[in-house]
Amino acid sequence: MPPAQPKPKRTGLIVTGAIVGTLVVLGVIGSLLPNGSGEDKDSGADSSGSSSGSNGGEKRKDPKPVSYKGIDITHSYQIMLADSPPRPTEGDDVAYGDADLYYVHYESSPSDTAVGTANGKLILLNNSQKGSLATCRTETRFTEQIGLDQLSSGSQMCLLSDAGHVAVVTYRGKSGASDASTYISVDLTIWRNAEEPKDS
């Protein structure tokens, strides 16, 4: 009978298995550790530049502006920024209603001829300022009414509605003495839902 063959040594196989097992364990542990950059994977900053608020909630992304040219607002008519497109509608007493923007003209009291808001705040911008969402968010010279005698063609106002809409109102002029009605013309650039609405 031939002598029995010696059994092959399995030392190399055992060592290889131990190395592979160690690498798998290290890989699992490494995936559970922070990414090493000093920031969490969800850092709150996104590609648009928005970041998390101090309370941990995400800051809303800025909406895209929508522009409307040559809107004529007749005396005692109002505009709502949520309407698309904004269309002047008649109100009973617009200065005391819920108008985002209104125009009033009083023959007996020209000083009371004004644009105003009954549902937010207005800011008359300086001539050196350019109306933008950033400008309207930072300016705090709030009022509810601006006399027409303070405006000239090209004057810009910020309008911040309680519903959270922001608009730049550009005054273009008023009706002439020979016109059949009394009105003003404005251009609007609106950022709808740019801010959290105020509690009613």
C-alpha atoms as a PDB file:
ATOM      1  CA  MET A   1       0.000   0.000   0.000  1.00  0.00           C
ATOM      2  CA  PRO A   2       1.385   3.463  -0.885  1.00  0.00           C
ATOM      3  CA  PRO A   3       2.054   5.744   2.067  1.00  0.00           C
ATOM      4  CA  ALA A   4      -0.707   8.325   2.913  1.00  0.00           C
ATOM      5  CA  GLN A   5      -0.231  11.768   1.394  1.00  0.00           C
ATOM      6  CA  PRO A   6       0.353  14.565   3.962  1.00  0.00           C
ATOM      7  CA  LYS A   7      -2.632  16.955   4.378  1.00  0.00           C
ATOM      8  CA  PRO A   8      -2.095  20.373   2.742  1.00  0.00           C
ATOM      9  CA  LYS A   9      -1.353  23.178   5.155  1.00  0.00           C
ATOM     10  CA  ARG A  10      -4.185  25.756   5.465  1.00  0.00           C
ATOM     11  CA  THR A  11      -2.175  28.409   7.270  1.00  0.00           C
ATOM     12  CA  GLY A  12      -2.146  30.772   4.251  1.00  0.00           C
ATOM     13  CA  LEU A  13      -5.906  30.499   3.839  1.00  0.00           C
ATOM     14  CA  ILE A  14      -6.538  31.233   7.523  1.00  0.00           C
ATOM     15  CA  VAL A  15      -4.271  34.301   7.483  1.00  0.00           C
ATOM     16  CA  THR A  16      -5.960  35.646   4.351  1.00  0.00           C
ATOM     17  CA  GLY A  17      -9.419  35.166   5.892  1.00  0.00           C
ATOM     18  CA  ALA A  18      -8.367  36.977   9.070  1.00  0.00           C
ATOM     19  CA  ILE A  19      -7.044  39.964   7.098  1.00  0.00           C
ATOM     20  CA  VAL A  20     -10.243  40.237   5.011  1.00  0.00           C
ATOM     21  CA  GLY A  21     -12.381  39.994   8.154  1.00  0.00           C
ATOM     22  CA  THR A  22     -10.353  42.720   9.871  1.00  0.00           C
ATOM     23  CA  LEU A  23     -10.722  45.021   6.850  1.00  0.00           C
ATOM     24  CA  VAL A  24     -14.509  44.535   6.804  1.00  0.00           C
ATOM     25  CA  VAL A  25     -14.777  45.350  10.518  1.00  0.00           C
ATOM     26  CA  LEU A  26     -12.606  48.469  10.108  1.00  0.00           C
ATOM     27  CA  GLY A  27     -14.724  49.581   7.147  1.00  0.00           C
ATOM     28  CA  VAL A  28     -17.939  49.302   9.192  1.00  0.00           C
ATOM     29  CA  ILE A  29     -16.426  51.254  12.089  1.00  0.00           C
ATOM     30  CA  GLY A  30     -15.105  53.926   9.714  1.00  0.00           C
ATOM     31  CA  SER A  31     -18.541  54.465   8.190  1.00  0.00           C
ATOM     32  CA  LEU A  32     -19.974  55.175  11.638  1.00  0.00           C
ATOM     33  CA  LEU A  33     -17.387  57.867  12.465  1.00  0.00           C
ATOM     34  CA  PRO A  34     -17.772  61.585  11.470  1.00  0.00           C
ATOM     35  CA  ASN A  35     -16.590  62.377   7.953  1.00  0.00           C
ATOM     36  CA  GLY A  36     -13.517  64.174   9.313  1.00  0.00           C
ATOM     37  CA  SER A  37     -14.211  67.492   7.610  1.00  0.00           C
ATOM     38  CA  GLY A  38     -15.575  69.099  10.762  1.00  0.00           C
ATOM     39  CA  GLU A  39     -19.086  69.247   9.270  1.00  0.00           C
ATOM     40  CA  ASP A  40     -22.036  66.919   9.425  1.00  0.00           C
ATOM     41  CA  LYS A  41     -23.130  65.352   6.183  1.00  0.00           C
ATOM     42  CA  ASP A  42     -26.337  67.402   6.457  1.00  0.00           C
ATOM     43  CA  SER A  43     -24.703  70.743   7.213  1.00  0.00           C
ATOM     44  CA  GLY A  44     -27.783  72.788   6.361  1.00  0.00           C
ATOM     45  CA  ALA A  45     -26.061  74.648   3.517  1.00  0.00           C
ATOM     46  CA  ASP A  46     -27.427  73.908   0.069  1.00  0.00           C
ATOM     47  CA  SER A  47     -26.359  74.818  -3.425  1.00  0.00           C
ATOM     48  CA  SER A  48     -28.608  77.885  -3.448  1.00  0.00           C
ATOM     49  CA  GLY A  49     -26.824  79.422  -0.473  1.00  0.00           C
ATOM     50  CA  SER A  50     -29.688  78.918   1.961  1.00  0.00           C
ATOM     51  CA  SER A  51     -28.695  77.660   5.390  1.00  0.00           C
ATOM     52  CA  SER A  52     -30.356  76.191   8.427  1.00  0.00           C
ATOM     53  CA  GLY A  53     -31.906  78.602  10.847  1.00  0.00           C
ATOM     54  CA  SER A  54     -30.690  78.922  14.425  1.00  0.00           C
ATOM     55  CA  ASN A  55     -33.615  76.822  15.600  1.00  0.00           C
ATOM     56  CA  GLY A  56     -32.541  73.923  13.382  1.00  0.00           C
ATOM     57  CA  GLY A  57     -35.306  74.500  10.818  1.00  0.00           C
ATOM     58  CA  GLU A  58     -34.363  74.991   7.199  1.00  0.00           C
ATOM     59  CA  LYS A  59     -34.515  78.521   5.797  1.00  0.00           C
ATOM     60  CA  ARG A  60     -36.960  78.790   2.916  1.00  0.00           C
ATOM     61  CA  LYS A  61     -35.483  79.204  -0.543  1.00  0.00           C
ATOM     62  CA  ASP A  62     -36.033  82.572  -2.178  1.00  0.00           C
ATOM     63  CA  PRO A  63     -38.845  82.452  -4.757  1.00  0.00           C
ATOM     64  CA  LYS A  64     -38.282  83.641  -8.297  1.00  0.00           C
ATOM     65  CA  PRO A  65     -39.538  87.173  -8.972  1.00  0.00           C
ATOM     66  CA  VAL A  66     -42.424  87.781 -11.350  1.00  0.00           C
ATOM     67  CA  SER A  67     -42.768  91.194 -13.042  1.00  0.00           C
ATOM     68  CA  TYR A  68     -45.852  93.034 -14.299  1.00  0.00           C
ATOM     69  CA  LYS A  69     -45.624  96.279 -16.274  1.00  0.00           C
ATOM     70  CA  GLY A  70     -48.009  99.193 -16.675  1.00  0.00           C
ATOM     71  CA  ILE A  71     -50.725  98.460 -14.110  1.00  0.00           C
ATOM     72  CA  ASP A  72     -53.217 101.349 -13.869  1.00  0.00           C
ATOM     73  CA  ILE A  73     -54.810 101.689 -10.428  1.00  0.00           C
ATOM     74  CA  THR A  74     -57.887 103.901 -10.355  1.00  0.00           C
ATOM     75  CA  HIS A  75     -58.868 105.960  -7.292  1.00  0.00           C
ATOM     76  CA  SER A  76     -60.278 103.679  -4.545  1.00  0.00           C
ATOM     77  CA  TYR A  77     -59.073 100.521  -6.294  1.00  0.00           C
ATOM     78  CA  GLN A  78     -56.781  97.941  -4.767  1.00  0.00           C
ATOM     79  CA  ILE A  79     -54.357  95.186  -5.739  1.00  0.00           C
ATOM     80  CA  MET A  80     -53.622  91.852  -4.061  1.00  0.00           C
ATOM     81  CA  LEU A  81     -50.119  90.475  -4.627  1.00  0.00           C
ATOM     82  CA  ALA A  82     -51.323  86.860  -4.582  1.00  0.00           C
ATOM     83  CA  ASP A  83     -53.393  87.429  -7.744  1.00  0.00           C
ATOM     84  CA  SER A  84     -51.714  86.332 -10.963  1.00  0.00           C
ATOM     85  CA  PRO A  85     -51.734  88.647 -12.736  1.00  0.00           C
ATOM     86  CA  PRO A  86     -52.522  91.365 -10.187  1.00  0.00           C
ATOM     87  CA  ARG A  87     -55.703  93.093 -11.335  1.00  0.00           C
ATOM     88  CA  PRO A  88     -57.106  96.232  -9.677  1.00  0.00           C
ATOM     89  CA  THR A  89     -60.460  95.693  -7.991  1.00  0.00           C
ATOM     90  CA  GLU A  90     -62.810  98.226  -6.453  1.00  0.00           C
ATOM     91  CA  GLY A  91     -63.136  98.441  -2.689  1.00  0.00           C
ATOM     92  CA  ASP A  92     -65.613 100.192  -0.397  1.00  0.00           C
ATOM     93  CA  ASP A  93     -62.982 101.855   1.764  1.00  0.00           C
ATOM     94  CA  VAL A  94     -59.639 100.492   0.607  1.00  0.00           C
ATOM     95  CA  ALA A  95     -57.594 102.235   3.297  1.00  0.00           C
ATOM     96  CA  TYR A  96     -59.381 100.230   5.980  1.00  0.00           C
ATOM     97  CA  GLY A  97     -59.838  96.919   4.173  1.00  0.00           C
ATOM     98  CA  ASP A  98     -57.342  94.190   3.373  1.00  0.00           C
ATOM     99  CA  ALA A  99     -55.652  95.672   0.287  1.00  0.00           C
ATOM    100  CA  ASP A 100     -51.988  94.892  -0.292  1.00  0.00           C
ATOM    101  CA  LEU A 101     -51.735  98.103  -2.352  1.00  0.00           C
ATOM    102  CA  TYR A 102     -54.302 100.836  -2.967  1.00  0.00           C
ATOM    103  CA  TYR A 103     -54.570 104.315  -4.427  1.00  0.00           C
ATOM    104  CA  VAL A 104     -56.766 107.103  -3.058  1.00  0.00           C
ATOM    105  CA  HIS A 105     -57.314 110.593  -4.482  1.00  0.00           C
ATOM    106  CA  TYR A 106     -59.356 113.292  -2.793  1.00  0.00           C
ATOM    107  CA  GLU A 107     -60.242 116.389  -4.778  1.00  0.00           C
ATOM    108  CA  SER A 108     -60.903 118.347  -1.589  1.00  0.00           C
ATOM    109  CA  SER A 109     -57.610 117.338   0.046  1.00  0.00           C
ATOM    110  CA  PRO A 110     -54.773 116.800  -2.452  1.00  0.00           C
ATOM    111  CA  SER A 111     -52.346 116.179   0.419  1.00  0.00           C
ATOM    112  CA  ASP A 112     -54.258 112.974   1.187  1.00  0.00           C
ATOM    113  CA  THR A 113     -53.730 111.652  -2.345  1.00  0.00           C
ATOM    114  CA  ALA A 114     -51.570 108.605  -1.711  1.00  0.00           C
ATOM    115  CA  VAL A 115     -50.675 104.999  -2.284  1.00  0.00           C
ATOM    116  CA  GLY A 116     -50.941 102.769   0.730  1.00  0.00           C
ATOM    117  CA  THR A 117     -51.355  99.315   2.181  1.00  0.00           C
ATOM    118  CA  ALA A 118     -53.958  98.023   4.589  1.00  0.00           C
ATOM    119  CA  ASN A 119     -52.307  94.611   4.815  1.00  0.00           C
ATOM    120  CA  GLY A 120     -48.609  95.194   5.391  1.00  0.00           C
ATOM    121  CA  LYS A 121     -45.882  97.835   5.263  1.00  0.00           C
ATOM    122  CA  LEU A 122     -44.497 100.248   2.670  1.00  0.00           C
ATOM    123  CA  ILE A 123     -40.973 101.638   2.409  1.00  0.00           C
ATOM    124  CA  LEU A 124     -40.079 104.528   0.108  1.00  0.00           C
ATOM    125  CA  LEU A 125     -36.587 103.828  -1.210  1.00  0.00           C
ATOM    126  CA  ASN A 126     -33.976 106.519  -1.695  1.00  0.00           C
ATOM    127  CA  ASN A 127     -33.024 107.443  -5.256  1.00  0.00           C
ATOM    128  CA  SER A 128     -29.649 105.750  -4.749  1.00  0.00           C
ATOM    129  CA  GLN A 129     -31.242 102.447  -3.788  1.00  0.00           C
ATOM    130  CA  LYS A 130     -32.218  99.709  -6.218  1.00  0.00           C
ATOM    131  CA  GLY A 131     -35.348  97.798  -5.345  1.00  0.00           C
ATOM    132  CA  SER A 132     -34.634  94.129  -4.680  1.00  0.00           C
ATOM    133  CA  LEU A 133     -35.686  91.351  -2.331  1.00  0.00           C
ATOM    134  CA  ALA A 134     -32.543  91.881  -0.254  1.00  0.00           C
ATOM    135  CA  THR A 135     -33.165  95.640   0.013  1.00  0.00           C
ATOM    136  CA  CYS A 136     -36.789  95.151   1.023  1.00  0.00           C
ATOM    137  CA  ARG A 137     -35.760  92.678   3.706  1.00  0.00           C
ATOM    138  CA  THR A 138     -33.188  94.975   5.281  1.00  0.00           C
ATOM    139  CA  GLU A 139     -34.919  98.389   5.168  1.00  0.00           C
ATOM    140  CA  THR A 140     -37.034  99.271   8.198  1.00  0.00           C
ATOM    141  CA  ARG A 141     -38.398 102.770   7.402  1.00  0.00           C
ATOM    142  CA  PHE A 142     -41.944 101.421   7.499  1.00  0.00           C
ATOM    143  CA  THR A 143     -45.131 103.339   6.782  1.00  0.00           C
ATOM    144  CA  GLU A 144     -48.633 102.468   5.672  1.00  0.00           C
ATOM    145  CA  GLN A 145     -49.151 105.363   3.244  1.00  0.00           C
ATOM    146  CA  ILE A 146     -46.964 107.449   0.943  1.00  0.00           C
ATOM    147  CA  GLY A 147     -48.214 110.729  -0.478  1.00  0.00           C
ATOM    148  CA  LEU A 148     -48.151 111.129  -4.247  1.00  0.00           C
ATOM    149  CA  ASP A 149     -46.288 114.413  -3.773  1.00  0.00           C
ATOM    150  CA  GLN A 150     -43.303 112.342  -2.543  1.00  0.00           C
ATOM    151  CA  LEU A 151     -43.141 110.310  -5.753  1.00  0.00           C
ATOM    152  CA  SER A 152     -41.767 111.019  -9.194  1.00  0.00           C
ATOM    153  CA  SER A 153     -41.582 108.769 -12.232  1.00  0.00           C
ATOM    154  CA  GLY A 154     -39.218 105.907 -11.390  1.00  0.00           C
ATOM    155  CA  SER A 155     -39.618 106.155  -7.610  1.00  0.00           C
ATOM    156  CA  GLN A 156     -39.517 102.735  -5.988  1.00  0.00           C
ATOM    157  CA  MET A 157     -41.272 101.402  -2.906  1.00  0.00           C
ATOM    158  CA  CYS A 158     -40.990  98.108  -1.081  1.00  0.00           C
ATOM    159  CA  LEU A 159     -44.251  96.446  -0.155  1.00  0.00           C
ATOM    160  CA  LEU A 160     -44.220  93.708   2.497  1.00  0.00           C
ATOM    161  CA  SER A 161     -47.625  92.089   2.834  1.00  0.00           C
ATOM    162  CA  ASP A 162     -48.789  90.331   5.987  1.00  0.00           C
ATOM    163  CA  ALA A 163     -49.401  87.250   3.815  1.00  0.00           C
ATOM    164  CA  GLY A 164     -45.629  86.923   3.267  1.00  0.00           C
ATOM    165  CA  HIS A 165     -45.373  88.383  -0.239  1.00  0.00           C
ATOM    166  CA  VAL A 166     -42.715  90.997  -1.031  1.00  0.00           C
ATOM    167  CA  ALA A 167     -42.907  93.429  -3.957  1.00  0.00           C
ATOM    168  CA  VAL A 168     -41.021  96.327  -5.449  1.00  0.00           C
ATOM    169  CA  VAL A 169     -43.514  98.929  -6.679  1.00  0.00           C
ATOM    170  CA  THR A 170     -42.145 101.316  -9.309  1.00  0.00           C
ATOM    171  CA  TYR A 171     -44.224 104.465  -9.754  1.00  0.00           C
ATOM    172  CA  ARG A 172     -44.600 105.493 -13.410  1.00  0.00           C
ATOM    173  CA  GLY A 173     -46.911 108.496 -13.208  1.00  0.00           C
ATOM    174  CA  LYS A 174     -50.490 109.627 -12.804  1.00  0.00           C
ATOM    175  CA  SER A 175     -53.395 110.526 -15.011  1.00  0.00           C
ATOM    176  CA  GLY A 176     -53.526 113.940 -16.657  1.00  0.00           C
ATOM    177  CA  ALA A 177     -56.107 116.647 -16.221  1.00  0.00           C
ATOM    178  CA  SER A 178     -57.829 115.646 -19.468  1.00  0.00           C
ATOM    179  CA  ASP A 179     -58.146 111.939 -18.570  1.00  0.00           C
ATOM    180  CA  ALA A 180     -61.625 110.613 -17.914  1.00  0.00           C
ATOM    181  CA  SER A 181     -60.560 108.929 -14.647  1.00  0.00           C
ATOM    182  CA  THR A 182     -58.035 109.497 -11.907  1.00  0.00           C
ATOM    183  CA  TYR A 183     -55.381 106.790 -11.691  1.00  0.00           C
ATOM    184  CA  ILE A 184     -51.711 106.023 -11.236  1.00  0.00           C
ATOM    185  CA  SER A 185     -49.503 103.648 -13.226  1.00  0.00           C
ATOM    186  CA  VAL A 186     -47.072 101.268 -11.555  1.00  0.00           C
ATOM    187  CA  ASP A 187     -44.805  98.331 -12.371  1.00  0.00           C
ATOM    188  CA  LEU A 188     -44.648  95.434  -9.936  1.00  0.00           C
ATOM    189  CA  THR A 189     -41.955  92.863  -9.230  1.00  0.00           C
ATOM    190  CA  ILE A 190     -43.312  90.271  -6.798  1.00  0.00           C
ATOM    191  CA  TRP A 191     -41.653  87.542  -4.748  1.00  0.00           C
ATOM    192  CA  ARG A 192     -44.616  85.457  -3.600  1.00  0.00           C
ATOM    193  CA  ASN A 193     -44.323  83.637  -0.260  1.00  0.00           C
ATOM    194  CA  ALA A 194     -40.865  85.074   0.364  1.00  0.00           C
ATOM    195  CA  GLU A 195     -41.505  85.366   4.087  1.00  0.00           C
ATOM    196  CA  GLU A 196     -43.539  83.574   6.732  1.00  0.00           C
ATOM    197  CA  PRO A 197     -47.069  85.044   6.896  1.00  0.00           C
ATOM    198  CA  LYS A 198     -47.937  87.038   9.971  1.00  0.00           C
ATOM    199  CA  ASP A 199     -50.515  85.656  12.363  1.00  0.00           C
ATOM    200  CA  SER A 200     -53.889  87.213  11.712  1.00  0.00           C
END
